[in-house]
């Protein structure tokens, strides 16, 4: 699987929560964010793949 590097802006609170969740799961913050995107936007993922072609 290829990855694309992106920059996001989080509030201090969002960063703190993300960092804590990643530590709790033993995962990177990036992996937690990828899981959230996959879980929260499943229908859009198929549409985005089609649009990118």
PDB file of N, CA and C in Angstrom:
ATOM      1  N   UNK A   1       0.842  -1.179   0.000  1.00  0.00           N
ATOM      2  CA  UNK A   1       0.000   0.000   0.000  1.00  0.00           C
ATOM      3  C   UNK A   1       0.883   1.237   0.000  1.00  0.00           C
ATOM      4  N   UNK A   2       0.605   2.123  -0.923  1.00  0.00           N
ATOM      5  CA  UNK A   2       1.350   3.378  -1.000  1.00  0.00           C
ATOM      6  C   UNK A   2       0.669   4.431  -0.131  1.00  0.00           C
ATOM      7  N   UNK A   3       1.440   5.302   0.433  1.00  0.00           N
ATOM      8  CA  UNK A   3       0.910   6.368   1.272  1.00  0.00           C
ATOM      9  C   UNK A   3       1.221   7.713   0.650  1.00  0.00           C
ATOM     10  N   UNK A   4       0.374   8.681   0.955  1.00  0.00           N
ATOM     11  CA  UNK A   4       0.564  10.065   0.538  1.00  0.00           C
ATOM     12  C   UNK A   4       0.780  10.881   1.798  1.00  0.00           C
ATOM     13  N   UNK A   5       1.798  11.695   1.817  1.00  0.00           N
ATOM     14  CA  UNK A   5       2.077  12.536   2.975  1.00  0.00           C
ATOM     15  C   UNK A   5       1.183  13.764   2.924  1.00  0.00           C
ATOM     16  N   UNK A   6       0.523  14.061   4.038  1.00  0.00           N
ATOM     17  CA  UNK A   6      -0.345  15.242   4.130  1.00  0.00           C
ATOM     18  C   UNK A   6      -0.015  16.009   5.401  1.00  0.00           C
ATOM     19  N   UNK A   7      -0.368  17.256   5.405  1.00  0.00           N
ATOM     20  CA  UNK A   7      -0.220  18.085   6.596  1.00  0.00           C
ATOM     21  C   UNK A   7      -1.613  18.475   7.055  1.00  0.00           C
ATOM     22  N   UNK A   8      -1.883  18.302   8.343  1.00  0.00           N
ATOM     23  CA  UNK A   8      -3.170  18.713   8.900  1.00  0.00           C
ATOM     24  C   UNK A   8      -2.919  19.648  10.071  1.00  0.00           C
ATOM     25  N   UNK A   9      -3.903  20.450  10.366  1.00  0.00           N
ATOM     26  CA  UNK A   9      -3.807  21.364  11.503  1.00  0.00           C
ATOM     27  C   UNK A   9      -4.812  20.910  12.550  1.00  0.00           C
ATOM     28  N   UNK A  10      -4.319  20.628  13.747  1.00  0.00           N
ATOM     29  CA  UNK A  10      -5.151  20.194  14.864  1.00  0.00           C
ATOM     30  C   UNK A  10      -5.067  21.222  15.977  1.00  0.00           C
ATOM     31  N   UNK A  11      -6.136  21.302  16.754  1.00  0.00           N
ATOM     32  CA  UNK A  11      -6.051  22.116  17.966  1.00  0.00           C
ATOM     33  C   UNK A  11      -5.157  21.381  18.956  1.00  0.00           C
ATOM     34  N   UNK A  12      -4.712  22.075  19.978  1.00  0.00           N
ATOM     35  CA  UNK A  12      -3.902  21.426  21.017  1.00  0.00           C
ATOM     36  C   UNK A  12      -4.658  20.254  21.634  1.00  0.00           C
ATOM     37  N   UNK A  13      -5.954  20.433  21.848  1.00  0.00           N
ATOM     38  CA  UNK A  13      -6.774  19.383  22.451  1.00  0.00           C
ATOM     39  C   UNK A  13      -6.902  18.176  21.518  1.00  0.00           C
ATOM     40  N   UNK A  14      -7.131  18.411  20.239  1.00  0.00           N
ATOM     41  CA  UNK A  14      -7.217  17.305  19.277  1.00  0.00           C
ATOM     42  C   UNK A  14      -5.896  16.543  19.223  1.00  0.00           C
ATOM     43  N   UNK A  15      -4.797  17.262  19.235  1.00  0.00           N
ATOM     44  CA  UNK A  15      -3.486  16.615  19.195  1.00  0.00           C
ATOM     45  C   UNK A  15      -3.264  15.776  20.453  1.00  0.00           C
ATOM     46  N   UNK A  16      -3.620  16.329  21.592  1.00  0.00           N
ATOM     47  CA  UNK A  16      -3.468  15.605  22.860  1.00  0.00           C
ATOM     48  C   UNK A  16      -4.300  14.324  22.837  1.00  0.00           C
ATOM     49  N   UNK A  17      -5.551  14.415  22.387  1.00  0.00           N
ATOM     50  CA  UNK A  17      -6.427  13.241  22.339  1.00  0.00           C
ATOM     51  C   UNK A  17      -5.919  12.201  21.350  1.00  0.00           C
ATOM     52  N   UNK A  18      -5.476  12.645  20.183  1.00  0.00           N
ATOM     53  CA  UNK A  18      -4.952  11.723  19.178  1.00  0.00           C
ATOM     54  C   UNK A  18      -3.698  11.020  19.686  1.00  0.00           C
ATOM     55  N   UNK A  19      -2.809  11.773  20.276  1.00  0.00           N
ATOM     56  CA  UNK A  19      -1.568  11.198  20.807  1.00  0.00           C
ATOM     57  C   UNK A  19      -1.865  10.173  21.899  1.00  0.00           C
ATOM     58  N   UNK A  20      -2.813  10.490  22.785  1.00  0.00           N
ATOM     59  CA  UNK A  20      -3.185   9.576  23.869  1.00  0.00           C
ATOM     60  C   UNK A  20      -3.833   8.307  23.314  1.00  0.00           C
ATOM     61  N   UNK A  21      -4.701   8.468  22.316  1.00  0.00           N
ATOM     62  CA  UNK A  21      -5.359   7.299  21.717  1.00  0.00           C
ATOM     63  C   UNK A  21      -4.356   6.404  21.011  1.00  0.00           C
ATOM     64  N   UNK A  22      -3.411   7.006  20.315  1.00  0.00           N
ATOM     65  CA  UNK A  22      -2.373   6.226  19.637  1.00  0.00           C
ATOM     66  C   UNK A  22      -1.544   5.450  20.662  1.00  0.00           C
ATOM     67  N   UNK A  23      -1.193   6.086  21.750  1.00  0.00           N
ATOM     68  CA  UNK A  23      -0.410   5.411  22.792  1.00  0.00           C
ATOM     69  C   UNK A  23      -1.220   4.273  23.415  1.00  0.00           C
ATOM     70  N   UNK A  24      -2.491   4.526  23.657  1.00  0.00           N
ATOM     71  CA  UNK A  24      -3.358   3.511  24.268  1.00  0.00           C
ATOM     72  C   UNK A  24      -3.449   2.274  23.379  1.00  0.00           C
ATOM     73  N   UNK A  25      -3.510   2.490  22.062  1.00  0.00           N
ATOM     74  CA  UNK A  25      -3.622   1.383  21.113  1.00  0.00           C
ATOM     75  C   UNK A  25      -2.281   0.790  20.716  1.00  0.00           C
ATOM     76  N   UNK A  26      -1.183   1.470  21.061  1.00  0.00           N
ATOM     77  CA  UNK A  26       0.137   1.008  20.640  1.00  0.00           C
ATOM     78  C   UNK A  26       0.340   1.198  19.143  1.00  0.00           C
ATOM     79  N   UNK A  27      -0.217   2.286  18.613  1.00  0.00           N
ATOM     80  CA  UNK A  27      -0.152   2.573  17.180  1.00  0.00           C
ATOM     81  C   UNK A  27       0.412   3.971  16.979  1.00  0.00           C
ATOM     82  N   UNK A  28       0.776   4.265  15.739  1.00  0.00           N
ATOM     83  CA  UNK A  28       1.181   5.629  15.410  1.00  0.00           C
ATOM     84  C   UNK A  28      -0.061   6.502  15.287  1.00  0.00           C
ATOM     85  N   UNK A  29       0.135   7.804  15.394  1.00  0.00           N
ATOM     86  CA  UNK A  29      -0.982   8.727  15.199  1.00  0.00           C
ATOM     87  C   UNK A  29      -1.509   8.601  13.773  1.00  0.00           C
ATOM     88  N   UNK A  30      -0.627   8.407  12.811  1.00  0.00           N
ATOM     89  CA  UNK A  30      -1.050   8.245  11.422  1.00  0.00           C
ATOM     90  C   UNK A  30      -1.955   7.025  11.258  1.00  0.00           C
ATOM     91  N   UNK A  31      -1.611   5.929  11.890  1.00  0.00           N
ATOM     92  CA  UNK A  31      -2.426   4.717  11.784  1.00  0.00           C
ATOM     93  C   UNK A  31      -3.809   4.932  12.391  1.00  0.00           C
ATOM     94  N   UNK A  32      -3.873   5.638  13.505  1.00  0.00           N
ATOM     95  CA  UNK A  32      -5.168   5.937  14.121  1.00  0.00           C
ATOM     96  C   UNK A  32      -5.995   6.798  13.180  1.00  0.00           C
ATOM     97  N   UNK A  33      -5.390   7.815  12.592  1.00  0.00           N
ATOM     98  CA  UNK A  33      -6.117   8.680  11.655  1.00  0.00           C
ATOM     99  C   UNK A  33      -6.608   7.897  10.437  1.00  0.00           C
ATOM    100  N   UNK A  34      -5.777   7.001   9.903  1.00  0.00           N
ATOM    101  CA  UNK A  34      -6.214   6.189   8.752  1.00  0.00           C
ATOM    102  C   UNK A  34      -7.408   5.322   9.122  1.00  0.00           C
ATOM    103  N   UNK A  35      -7.390   4.722  10.322  1.00  0.00           N
ATOM    104  CA  UNK A  35      -8.523   3.918  10.776  1.00  0.00           C
ATOM    105  C   UNK A  35      -9.784   4.767  10.893  1.00  0.00           C
ATOM    106  N   UNK A  36      -9.639   5.971  11.442  1.00  0.00           N
ATOM    107  CA  UNK A  36     -10.795   6.858  11.580  1.00  0.00           C
ATOM    108  C   UNK A  36     -11.385   7.225  10.221  1.00  0.00           C
ATOM    109  N   UNK A  37     -10.530   7.532   9.266  1.00  0.00           N
ATOM    110  CA  UNK A  37     -11.004   7.878   7.924  1.00  0.00           C
ATOM    111  C   UNK A  37     -11.717   6.678   7.305  1.00  0.00           C
ATOM    112  N   UNK A  38     -11.123   5.496   7.407  1.00  0.00           N
ATOM    113  CA  UNK A  38     -11.742   4.292   6.839  1.00  0.00           C
ATOM    114  C   UNK A  38     -13.096   4.008   7.479  1.00  0.00           C
ATOM    115  N   UNK A  39     -13.189   4.197   8.782  1.00  0.00           N
ATOM    116  CA  UNK A  39     -14.430   3.891   9.493  1.00  0.00           C
ATOM    117  C   UNK A  39     -15.498   4.955   9.269  1.00  0.00           C
ATOM    118  N   UNK A  40     -15.112   6.206   9.248  1.00  0.00           N
ATOM    119  CA  UNK A  40     -16.092   7.298   9.187  1.00  0.00           C
ATOM    120  C   UNK A  40     -16.519   7.672   7.775  1.00  0.00           C
ATOM    121  N   UNK A  41     -15.750   7.284   6.775  1.00  0.00           N
ATOM    122  CA  UNK A  41     -16.086   7.673   5.402  1.00  0.00           C
ATOM    123  C   UNK A  41     -16.073   6.482   4.446  1.00  0.00           C
ATOM    124  N   UNK A  42     -16.679   5.360   4.801  1.00  0.00           N
ATOM    125  CA  UNK A  42     -16.592   4.178   3.928  1.00  0.00           C
ATOM    126  C   UNK A  42     -17.267   4.362   2.579  1.00  0.00           C
ATOM    127  N   UNK A  43     -18.434   4.976   2.537  1.00  0.00           N
ATOM    128  CA  UNK A  43     -19.145   5.146   1.270  1.00  0.00           C
ATOM    129  C   UNK A  43     -18.397   6.095   0.348  1.00  0.00           C
ATOM    130  N   UNK A  44     -17.823   7.103   0.907  1.00  0.00           N
ATOM    131  CA  UNK A  44     -17.097   8.093   0.114  1.00  0.00           C
ATOM    132  C   UNK A  44     -15.807   7.524  -0.462  1.00  0.00           C
ATOM    133  N   UNK A  45     -15.232   6.508   0.180  1.00  0.00           N
ATOM    134  CA  UNK A  45     -13.986   5.921  -0.284  1.00  0.00           C
ATOM    135  C   UNK A  45     -14.165   5.354  -1.692  1.00  0.00           C
ATOM    136  N   UNK A  46     -15.270   4.657  -1.952  1.00  0.00           N
ATOM    137  CA  UNK A  46     -15.525   4.110  -3.281  1.00  0.00           C
ATOM    138  C   UNK A  46     -15.716   5.215  -4.305  1.00  0.00           C
ATOM    139  N   UNK A  47     -16.435   6.271  -3.932  1.00  0.00           N
ATOM    140  CA  UNK A  47     -16.643   7.401  -4.828  1.00  0.00           C
ATOM    141  C   UNK A  47     -15.329   8.102  -5.158  1.00  0.00           C
ATOM    142  N   UNK A  48     -14.466   8.257  -4.157  1.00  0.00           N
ATOM    143  CA  UNK A  48     -13.176   8.935  -4.366  1.00  0.00           C
ATOM    144  C   UNK A  48     -12.281   8.120  -5.297  1.00  0.00           C
ATOM    145  N   UNK A  49     -12.296   6.810  -5.151  1.00  0.00           N
ATOM    146  CA  UNK A  49     -11.475   5.956  -6.024  1.00  0.00           C
ATOM    147  C   UNK A  49     -11.931   6.080  -7.476  1.00  0.00           C
ATOM    148  N   UNK A  50     -13.242   6.130  -7.666  1.00  0.00           N
ATOM    149  CA  UNK A  50     -13.781   6.274  -9.014  1.00  0.00           C
ATOM    150  C   UNK A  50     -13.424   7.636  -9.587  1.00  0.00           C
ATOM    151  N   UNK A  51     -13.548   8.689  -8.796  1.00  0.00           N
ATOM    152  CA  UNK A  51     -13.261  10.048  -9.258  1.00  0.00           C
ATOM    153  C   UNK A  51     -11.792  10.240  -9.588  1.00  0.00           C
ATOM    154  N   UNK A  52     -10.910   9.523  -8.911  1.00  0.00           N
ATOM    155  CA  UNK A  52      -9.472   9.685  -9.120  1.00  0.00           C
ATOM    156  C   UNK A  52      -8.998   9.069 -10.437  1.00  0.00           C
ATOM    157  N   UNK A  53      -9.804   8.236 -11.014  1.00  0.00           N
ATOM    158  CA  UNK A  53      -9.399   7.556 -12.263  1.00  0.00           C
ATOM    159  C   UNK A  53      -9.457   8.434 -13.456  1.00  0.00           C
TER     160      UNK A  53
END
